[in-house]
Amino acid sequence: MSTICAPAAVSPPSSTALLARLRSLFSEASGMDLSGADDATSFMGLGLDSLTLTLAAAEVKRAFGVVPTFRQLMETQRDFASLARYLQEMTAVAAAAKPAATATAAAADRPGLDANRPPQPGARLGRDPSGKPAWYIPDRQQPGRYVPLA
């Protein structure tokens, strides 16, 4: 699961620009030239190890305000194409969740997806199995695990 660190202030970047930025970030983290890397080749297939993926995740967090987990980089966002789609979705969610300055008071009171305003303490913003943004809370029966907020 991931969290959004800071809502994006701009619209999601274009796919081409985002892919180029991701290749640059991963190149900096790995020391390898990934400018010509295939978008669909897995990070492991490109020769990136777990330490490099951890460093790259930190760079993605700094650049986009979205924290992909190591597990995501190994399983679901395992290549540049899927990571770019994920970042576009998450930045769009953050932009949509950020209340507009002209929003009505009723709309501002509605629970949203603003990562800075969780519906309850300890809740984290992530994605449900269908890929939609959802809040998760710590599972009391399994420490370190999270369950969807009902």
N, C-alpha and C. Protein backbone atom coordinates (compact mmCIF):
# COMPACT_ATOMS: atom_id res chain seq x y z
N MET A 1 0.85 -1.16 0.00
CA MET A 1 0.00 0.00 0.00
C MET A 1 0.89 1.22 0.00
N SER A 2 0.37 2.29 -0.54
CA SER A 2 1.15 3.52 -0.59
C SER A 2 0.37 4.64 0.05
N THR A 3 1.09 5.71 0.28
CA THR A 3 0.44 6.89 0.81
C THR A 3 0.82 8.06 -0.05
N ILE A 4 0.02 9.09 0.00
CA ILE A 4 0.33 10.32 -0.70
C ILE A 4 0.90 11.26 0.34
N CYS A 5 2.10 11.74 0.11
CA CYS A 5 2.76 12.60 1.09
C CYS A 5 2.26 14.03 1.02
N ALA A 6 2.12 14.54 -0.17
CA ALA A 6 1.66 15.91 -0.32
C ALA A 6 0.82 15.98 -1.57
N PRO A 7 -0.37 16.54 -1.49
CA PRO A 7 -1.20 16.62 -2.67
C PRO A 7 -0.50 17.40 -3.78
N ALA A 8 -0.66 16.92 -4.98
CA ALA A 8 -0.05 17.59 -6.13
C ALA A 8 -0.75 18.90 -6.40
N ALA A 9 0.01 19.90 -6.72
CA ALA A 9 -0.55 21.21 -6.97
C ALA A 9 -0.83 21.41 -8.45
N VAL A 10 -0.36 20.49 -9.28
CA VAL A 10 -0.53 20.63 -10.71
C VAL A 10 -1.22 19.39 -11.25
N SER A 11 -1.66 19.48 -12.50
CA SER A 11 -2.30 18.33 -13.12
C SER A 11 -1.25 17.26 -13.39
N PRO A 12 -1.70 16.01 -13.56
CA PRO A 12 -0.75 14.93 -13.80
C PRO A 12 0.09 15.20 -15.05
N PRO A 13 1.37 14.87 -15.01
CA PRO A 13 2.24 15.11 -16.16
C PRO A 13 1.87 14.18 -17.31
N SER A 14 2.28 14.55 -18.53
CA SER A 14 2.02 13.70 -19.68
C SER A 14 2.82 12.41 -19.55
N SER A 15 2.36 11.37 -20.23
CA SER A 15 3.02 10.07 -20.14
C SER A 15 4.48 10.14 -20.60
N THR A 16 4.71 10.81 -21.71
CA THR A 16 6.07 10.89 -22.25
C THR A 16 7.01 11.60 -21.28
N ALA A 17 6.58 12.72 -20.76
CA ALA A 17 7.41 13.48 -19.83
C ALA A 17 7.61 12.70 -18.53
N LEU A 18 6.57 12.03 -18.08
CA LEU A 18 6.66 11.26 -16.85
C LEU A 18 7.60 10.08 -17.01
N LEU A 19 7.51 9.37 -18.12
CA LEU A 19 8.41 8.24 -18.36
C LEU A 19 9.87 8.71 -18.41
N ALA A 20 10.11 9.84 -19.06
CA ALA A 20 11.47 10.37 -19.13
C ALA A 20 11.97 10.75 -17.74
N ARG A 21 11.10 11.35 -16.92
CA ARG A 21 11.49 11.74 -15.56
C ARG A 21 11.78 10.51 -14.71
N LEU A 22 10.94 9.48 -14.85
CA LEU A 22 11.18 8.24 -14.09
C LEU A 22 12.49 7.59 -14.49
N ARG A 23 12.76 7.53 -15.79
CA ARG A 23 14.03 6.95 -16.23
C ARG A 23 15.21 7.72 -15.65
N SER A 24 15.08 9.04 -15.61
CA SER A 24 16.13 9.88 -15.05
C SER A 24 16.32 9.61 -13.56
N LEU A 25 15.21 9.53 -12.81
CA LEU A 25 15.31 9.26 -11.37
C LEU A 25 15.95 7.90 -11.10
N PHE A 26 15.52 6.89 -11.84
CA PHE A 26 16.07 5.55 -11.64
C PHE A 26 17.52 5.48 -12.10
N SER A 27 17.87 6.25 -13.12
CA SER A 27 19.28 6.30 -13.57
C SER A 27 20.16 6.90 -12.48
N GLU A 28 19.66 7.98 -11.85
CA GLU A 28 20.42 8.61 -10.77
C GLU A 28 20.59 7.65 -9.59
N ALA A 29 19.53 6.92 -9.26
CA ALA A 29 19.59 6.00 -8.12
C ALA A 29 20.49 4.80 -8.40
N SER A 30 20.53 4.35 -9.65
CA SER A 30 21.27 3.13 -9.98
C SER A 30 22.67 3.38 -10.50
N GLY A 31 22.89 4.57 -11.07
CA GLY A 31 24.18 4.82 -11.72
C GLY A 31 24.24 4.22 -13.11
N MET A 32 23.12 3.70 -13.61
CA MET A 32 23.05 3.09 -14.94
C MET A 32 22.34 4.05 -15.89
N ASP A 33 22.66 3.96 -17.17
CA ASP A 33 21.95 4.75 -18.17
C ASP A 33 20.69 3.99 -18.57
N LEU A 34 19.54 4.48 -18.11
CA LEU A 34 18.26 3.83 -18.40
C LEU A 34 17.43 4.66 -19.38
N SER A 35 18.07 5.62 -20.06
CA SER A 35 17.33 6.50 -20.96
C SER A 35 16.69 5.74 -22.12
N GLY A 36 17.27 4.65 -22.53
CA GLY A 36 16.70 3.86 -23.63
C GLY A 36 16.01 2.60 -23.18
N ALA A 37 15.75 2.48 -21.89
CA ALA A 37 15.13 1.26 -21.35
C ALA A 37 13.70 1.12 -21.86
N ASP A 38 13.31 -0.12 -22.13
CA ASP A 38 11.96 -0.43 -22.56
C ASP A 38 11.00 -0.19 -21.39
N ASP A 39 9.87 0.46 -21.68
CA ASP A 39 8.90 0.80 -20.64
C ASP A 39 8.29 -0.42 -19.97
N ALA A 40 8.22 -1.54 -20.68
CA ALA A 40 7.55 -2.73 -20.15
C ALA A 40 8.50 -3.74 -19.53
N THR A 41 9.80 -3.49 -19.55
CA THR A 41 10.76 -4.41 -18.94
C THR A 41 10.76 -4.18 -17.43
N SER A 42 10.67 -5.26 -16.68
CA SER A 42 10.63 -5.14 -15.22
C SER A 42 11.92 -4.49 -14.72
N PHE A 43 11.81 -3.86 -13.56
CA PHE A 43 12.99 -3.23 -12.97
C PHE A 43 14.08 -4.27 -12.71
N MET A 44 13.68 -5.45 -12.26
CA MET A 44 14.67 -6.52 -12.03
C MET A 44 15.28 -6.95 -13.36
N GLY A 45 14.47 -6.97 -14.41
CA GLY A 45 14.96 -7.32 -15.74
C GLY A 45 15.96 -6.30 -16.28
N LEU A 46 15.86 -5.08 -15.79
CA LEU A 46 16.82 -4.04 -16.17
C LEU A 46 18.10 -4.12 -15.34
N GLY A 47 18.13 -5.03 -14.37
CA GLY A 47 19.32 -5.20 -13.54
C GLY A 47 19.31 -4.38 -12.26
N LEU A 48 18.14 -3.85 -11.88
CA LEU A 48 18.06 -3.06 -10.66
C LEU A 48 17.84 -3.98 -9.47
N ASP A 49 18.58 -3.77 -8.40
CA ASP A 49 18.45 -4.61 -7.21
C ASP A 49 17.55 -3.94 -6.17
N SER A 50 17.36 -4.62 -5.06
CA SER A 50 16.44 -4.13 -4.03
C SER A 50 16.90 -2.80 -3.43
N LEU A 51 18.18 -2.62 -3.24
CA LEU A 51 18.68 -1.35 -2.71
C LEU A 51 18.40 -0.21 -3.68
N THR A 52 18.64 -0.45 -4.95
CA THR A 52 18.37 0.57 -5.96
C THR A 52 16.89 0.92 -6.00
N LEU A 53 16.02 -0.09 -5.91
CA LEU A 53 14.57 0.18 -5.92
C LEU A 53 14.16 0.98 -4.69
N THR A 54 14.77 0.71 -3.57
CA THR A 54 14.48 1.47 -2.35
C THR A 54 14.91 2.93 -2.53
N LEU A 55 16.09 3.15 -3.08
CA LEU A 55 16.57 4.51 -3.35
C LEU A 55 15.68 5.21 -4.38
N ALA A 56 15.28 4.48 -5.41
CA ALA A 56 14.42 5.06 -6.45
C ALA A 56 13.06 5.43 -5.88
N ALA A 57 12.52 4.61 -4.97
CA ALA A 57 11.24 4.92 -4.34
C ALA A 57 11.33 6.24 -3.57
N ALA A 58 12.46 6.46 -2.90
CA ALA A 58 12.65 7.71 -2.17
C ALA A 58 12.71 8.89 -3.15
N GLU A 59 13.35 8.70 -4.30
CA GLU A 59 13.41 9.75 -5.31
C GLU A 59 12.02 10.05 -5.88
N VAL A 60 11.23 9.00 -6.09
CA VAL A 60 9.85 9.18 -6.59
C VAL A 60 9.04 9.97 -5.56
N LYS A 61 9.24 9.64 -4.29
CA LYS A 61 8.54 10.37 -3.23
C LYS A 61 8.89 11.86 -3.26
N ARG A 62 10.18 12.16 -3.39
CA ARG A 62 10.62 13.56 -3.44
C ARG A 62 10.09 14.28 -4.67
N ALA A 63 10.06 13.58 -5.80
CA ALA A 63 9.67 14.22 -7.06
C ALA A 63 8.16 14.38 -7.21
N PHE A 64 7.40 13.39 -6.72
CA PHE A 64 5.97 13.38 -7.00
C PHE A 64 5.08 13.41 -5.76
N GLY A 65 5.66 13.23 -4.57
CA GLY A 65 4.86 13.22 -3.36
C GLY A 65 4.09 11.93 -3.17
N VAL A 66 4.38 10.91 -3.95
CA VAL A 66 3.72 9.61 -3.85
C VAL A 66 4.78 8.60 -3.45
N VAL A 67 4.44 7.78 -2.46
CA VAL A 67 5.40 6.80 -1.96
C VAL A 67 5.06 5.41 -2.46
N PRO A 68 5.74 4.93 -3.50
CA PRO A 68 5.52 3.53 -3.88
C PRO A 68 6.31 2.63 -2.93
N THR A 69 5.70 1.56 -2.49
CA THR A 69 6.41 0.65 -1.60
C THR A 69 7.34 -0.25 -2.41
N PHE A 70 8.28 -0.85 -1.72
CA PHE A 70 9.18 -1.79 -2.38
C PHE A 70 8.37 -2.93 -2.99
N ARG A 71 7.37 -3.39 -2.28
CA ARG A 71 6.52 -4.48 -2.78
C ARG A 71 5.81 -4.09 -4.06
N GLN A 72 5.31 -2.86 -4.12
CA GLN A 72 4.68 -2.40 -5.35
C GLN A 72 5.67 -2.40 -6.51
N LEU A 73 6.89 -1.94 -6.26
CA LEU A 73 7.89 -1.91 -7.32
C LEU A 73 8.31 -3.31 -7.76
N MET A 74 8.08 -4.29 -6.93
CA MET A 74 8.39 -5.67 -7.29
C MET A 74 7.21 -6.38 -7.94
N GLU A 75 5.98 -5.98 -7.60
CA GLU A 75 4.81 -6.75 -8.04
C GLU A 75 3.89 -5.99 -9.01
N THR A 76 3.31 -4.89 -8.58
CA THR A 76 2.28 -4.25 -9.39
C THR A 76 2.79 -3.09 -10.24
N GLN A 77 3.70 -2.29 -9.73
CA GLN A 77 4.31 -1.20 -10.50
C GLN A 77 5.74 -1.59 -10.78
N ARG A 78 5.92 -2.69 -11.47
CA ARG A 78 7.22 -3.32 -11.64
C ARG A 78 8.01 -2.86 -12.86
N ASP A 79 7.45 -1.92 -13.62
CA ASP A 79 8.15 -1.38 -14.79
C ASP A 79 7.80 0.09 -14.94
N PHE A 80 8.48 0.77 -15.84
CA PHE A 80 8.25 2.20 -16.00
C PHE A 80 6.82 2.52 -16.43
N ALA A 81 6.26 1.72 -17.33
CA ALA A 81 4.91 1.99 -17.84
C ALA A 81 3.87 1.90 -16.73
N SER A 82 3.91 0.83 -15.94
CA SER A 82 2.91 0.68 -14.88
C SER A 82 3.13 1.69 -13.75
N LEU A 83 4.37 2.02 -13.45
CA LEU A 83 4.65 3.03 -12.42
C LEU A 83 4.16 4.40 -12.89
N ALA A 84 4.35 4.72 -14.16
CA ALA A 84 3.89 6.00 -14.69
C ALA A 84 2.36 6.10 -14.61
N ARG A 85 1.66 5.03 -14.98
CA ARG A 85 0.19 5.04 -14.88
C ARG A 85 -0.25 5.24 -13.44
N TYR A 86 0.41 4.54 -12.53
CA TYR A 86 0.08 4.64 -11.10
C TYR A 86 0.29 6.07 -10.60
N LEU A 87 1.41 6.68 -10.96
CA LEU A 87 1.69 8.04 -10.52
C LEU A 87 0.69 9.03 -11.10
N GLN A 88 0.30 8.84 -12.35
CA GLN A 88 -0.71 9.72 -12.94
C GLN A 88 -2.03 9.59 -12.19
N GLU A 89 -2.41 8.37 -11.86
CA GLU A 89 -3.66 8.16 -11.12
C GLU A 89 -3.58 8.80 -9.72
N MET A 90 -2.48 8.57 -9.03
CA MET A 90 -2.35 9.09 -7.67
C MET A 90 -2.27 10.61 -7.64
N THR A 91 -1.57 11.22 -8.58
CA THR A 91 -1.50 12.67 -8.60
C THR A 91 -2.86 13.26 -8.99
N ALA A 92 -3.61 12.56 -9.84
CA ALA A 92 -4.95 13.02 -10.19
C ALA A 92 -5.88 12.91 -8.98
N VAL A 93 -5.75 11.82 -8.21
CA VAL A 93 -6.56 11.65 -7.00
C VAL A 93 -6.24 12.76 -6.00
N ALA A 94 -4.96 13.05 -5.82
CA ALA A 94 -4.57 14.09 -4.87
C ALA A 94 -5.08 15.46 -5.32
N ALA A 95 -5.01 15.74 -6.61
CA ALA A 95 -5.50 17.02 -7.12
C ALA A 95 -7.01 17.12 -6.96
N ALA A 96 -7.71 16.00 -7.19
CA ALA A 96 -9.17 16.01 -7.05
C ALA A 96 -9.58 16.10 -5.58
N ALA A 97 -8.77 15.53 -4.69
CA ALA A 97 -9.11 15.52 -3.27
C ALA A 97 -8.85 16.87 -2.61
N LYS A 98 -7.96 17.65 -3.18
CA LYS A 98 -7.64 18.94 -2.59
C LYS A 98 -8.84 19.87 -2.77
N PRO A 99 -9.39 20.35 -1.67
CA PRO A 99 -10.58 21.19 -1.80
C PRO A 99 -10.27 22.50 -2.51
N ALA A 100 -11.15 22.89 -3.39
CA ALA A 100 -10.99 24.15 -4.11
C ALA A 100 -11.25 25.32 -3.15
N ALA A 101 -10.62 26.43 -3.42
CA ALA A 101 -10.78 27.59 -2.54
C ALA A 101 -12.22 28.09 -2.53
N THR A 102 -12.95 27.85 -3.60
CA THR A 102 -14.33 28.33 -3.69
C THR A 102 -15.34 27.26 -3.33
N ALA A 103 -14.90 26.15 -2.79
CA ALA A 103 -15.83 25.06 -2.44
C ALA A 103 -16.78 25.51 -1.34
N THR A 104 -17.95 24.97 -1.36
CA THR A 104 -18.93 25.31 -0.32
C THR A 104 -18.54 24.66 0.99
N ALA A 105 -19.08 25.18 2.08
CA ALA A 105 -18.75 24.62 3.40
C ALA A 105 -19.21 23.18 3.50
N ALA A 106 -20.33 22.85 2.90
CA ALA A 106 -20.82 21.46 2.96
C ALA A 106 -19.86 20.52 2.26
N ALA A 107 -19.34 20.93 1.12
CA ALA A 107 -18.40 20.09 0.39
C ALA A 107 -17.08 19.96 1.15
N ALA A 108 -16.66 21.03 1.83
CA ALA A 108 -15.41 21.00 2.58
C ALA A 108 -15.51 20.08 3.79
N ASP A 109 -16.73 19.92 4.36
CA ASP A 109 -16.91 19.05 5.51
C ASP A 109 -17.01 17.57 5.14
N ARG A 110 -17.25 17.30 3.87
CA ARG A 110 -17.39 15.92 3.41
C ARG A 110 -16.04 15.21 3.50
N PRO A 111 -15.99 13.98 4.04
CA PRO A 111 -14.72 13.27 4.09
C PRO A 111 -14.20 13.06 2.67
N GLY A 112 -12.95 13.42 2.45
CA GLY A 112 -12.38 13.28 1.12
C GLY A 112 -11.14 12.42 1.13
N LEU A 113 -10.35 12.56 0.11
CA LEU A 113 -9.14 11.77 -0.02
C LEU A 113 -7.90 12.60 0.19
N ASP A 114 -8.04 13.68 0.92
CA ASP A 114 -6.89 14.54 1.21
C ASP A 114 -6.00 13.81 2.22
N ALA A 115 -4.81 13.47 1.79
CA ALA A 115 -3.90 12.69 2.65
C ALA A 115 -3.53 13.44 3.92
N ASN A 116 -3.72 14.74 3.94
CA ASN A 116 -3.41 15.52 5.13
C ASN A 116 -4.57 15.55 6.12
N ARG A 117 -5.72 14.98 5.74
CA ARG A 117 -6.89 14.96 6.61
C ARG A 117 -7.50 13.56 6.64
N PRO A 118 -6.85 12.60 7.28
CA PRO A 118 -7.42 11.25 7.34
C PRO A 118 -8.72 11.26 8.13
N PRO A 119 -9.64 10.33 7.82
CA PRO A 119 -10.92 10.29 8.52
C PRO A 119 -10.80 9.91 9.99
N GLN A 120 -9.70 9.25 10.35
CA GLN A 120 -9.43 8.95 11.75
C GLN A 120 -7.93 8.83 11.94
N PRO A 121 -7.44 9.04 13.15
CA PRO A 121 -6.00 8.98 13.39
C PRO A 121 -5.42 7.62 12.99
N GLY A 122 -4.28 7.65 12.35
CA GLY A 122 -3.60 6.42 11.95
C GLY A 122 -4.03 5.88 10.61
N ALA A 123 -5.06 6.46 9.99
CA ALA A 123 -5.53 5.99 8.69
C ALA A 123 -4.54 6.38 7.60
N ARG A 124 -4.44 5.51 6.59
CA ARG A 124 -3.55 5.77 5.46
C ARG A 124 -4.34 5.66 4.17
N LEU A 125 -3.94 6.45 3.19
CA LEU A 125 -4.58 6.42 1.89
C LEU A 125 -3.88 5.40 1.01
N GLY A 126 -4.67 4.53 0.39
CA GLY A 126 -4.13 3.51 -0.50
C GLY A 126 -5.13 3.20 -1.59
N ARG A 127 -5.03 2.03 -2.18
CA ARG A 127 -5.93 1.59 -3.24
C ARG A 127 -6.60 0.29 -2.84
N ASP A 128 -7.91 0.20 -3.13
CA ASP A 128 -8.62 -1.04 -2.86
C ASP A 128 -8.31 -2.04 -3.98
N PRO A 129 -8.78 -3.29 -3.89
CA PRO A 129 -8.46 -4.28 -4.91
C PRO A 129 -8.90 -3.89 -6.33
N SER A 130 -9.90 -3.04 -6.45
CA SER A 130 -10.34 -2.62 -7.78
C SER A 130 -9.52 -1.43 -8.30
N GLY A 131 -8.60 -0.92 -7.49
CA GLY A 131 -7.73 0.17 -7.91
C GLY A 131 -8.23 1.55 -7.52
N LYS A 132 -9.36 1.61 -6.82
CA LYS A 132 -9.91 2.90 -6.41
C LYS A 132 -9.25 3.35 -5.11
N PRO A 133 -9.07 4.67 -4.93
CA PRO A 133 -8.48 5.17 -3.69
C PRO A 133 -9.36 4.81 -2.50
N ALA A 134 -8.73 4.44 -1.40
CA ALA A 134 -9.48 4.06 -0.19
C ALA A 134 -8.62 4.32 1.04
N TRP A 135 -9.31 4.55 2.15
CA TRP A 135 -8.62 4.72 3.43
C TRP A 135 -8.45 3.37 4.10
N TYR A 136 -7.30 3.18 4.74
CA TYR A 136 -7.00 1.94 5.47
C TYR A 136 -6.59 2.29 6.89
N ILE A 137 -6.96 1.42 7.83
CA ILE A 137 -6.60 1.62 9.24
C ILE A 137 -5.80 0.42 9.72
N PRO A 138 -4.99 0.59 10.78
CA PRO A 138 -4.21 -0.53 11.29
C PRO A 138 -5.11 -1.68 11.73
N ASP A 139 -4.70 -2.90 11.40
CA ASP A 139 -5.42 -4.10 11.80
C ASP A 139 -4.98 -4.44 13.23
N ARG A 140 -5.92 -4.45 14.15
CA ARG A 140 -5.59 -4.72 15.56
C ARG A 140 -5.15 -6.16 15.78
N GLN A 141 -5.59 -7.06 14.92
CA GLN A 141 -5.25 -8.48 15.10
C GLN A 141 -3.93 -8.84 14.45
N GLN A 142 -3.49 -8.07 13.47
CA GLN A 142 -2.23 -8.34 12.79
C GLN A 142 -1.42 -7.04 12.71
N PRO A 143 -0.57 -6.80 13.70
CA PRO A 143 0.24 -5.57 13.70
C PRO A 143 1.05 -5.47 12.39
N GLY A 144 1.12 -4.27 11.87
CA GLY A 144 1.86 -4.04 10.63
C GLY A 144 0.99 -4.19 9.40
N ARG A 145 -0.23 -4.66 9.55
CA ARG A 145 -1.16 -4.84 8.44
C ARG A 145 -2.25 -3.79 8.54
N TYR A 146 -2.88 -3.48 7.42
CA TYR A 146 -3.95 -2.51 7.37
C TYR A 146 -5.19 -3.13 6.74
N VAL A 147 -6.35 -2.66 7.19
CA VAL A 147 -7.64 -3.13 6.66
C VAL A 147 -8.41 -1.92 6.15
N PRO A 148 -9.30 -2.13 5.17
CA PRO A 148 -10.08 -1.00 4.66
C PRO A 148 -10.95 -0.40 5.75
N LEU A 149 -11.08 0.91 5.72
CA LEU A 149 -11.95 1.61 6.65
C LEU A 149 -13.37 1.44 6.15
N ALA A 150 -14.24 0.93 7.02
CA ALA A 150 -15.63 0.65 6.62
C ALA A 150 -16.45 1.90 6.55
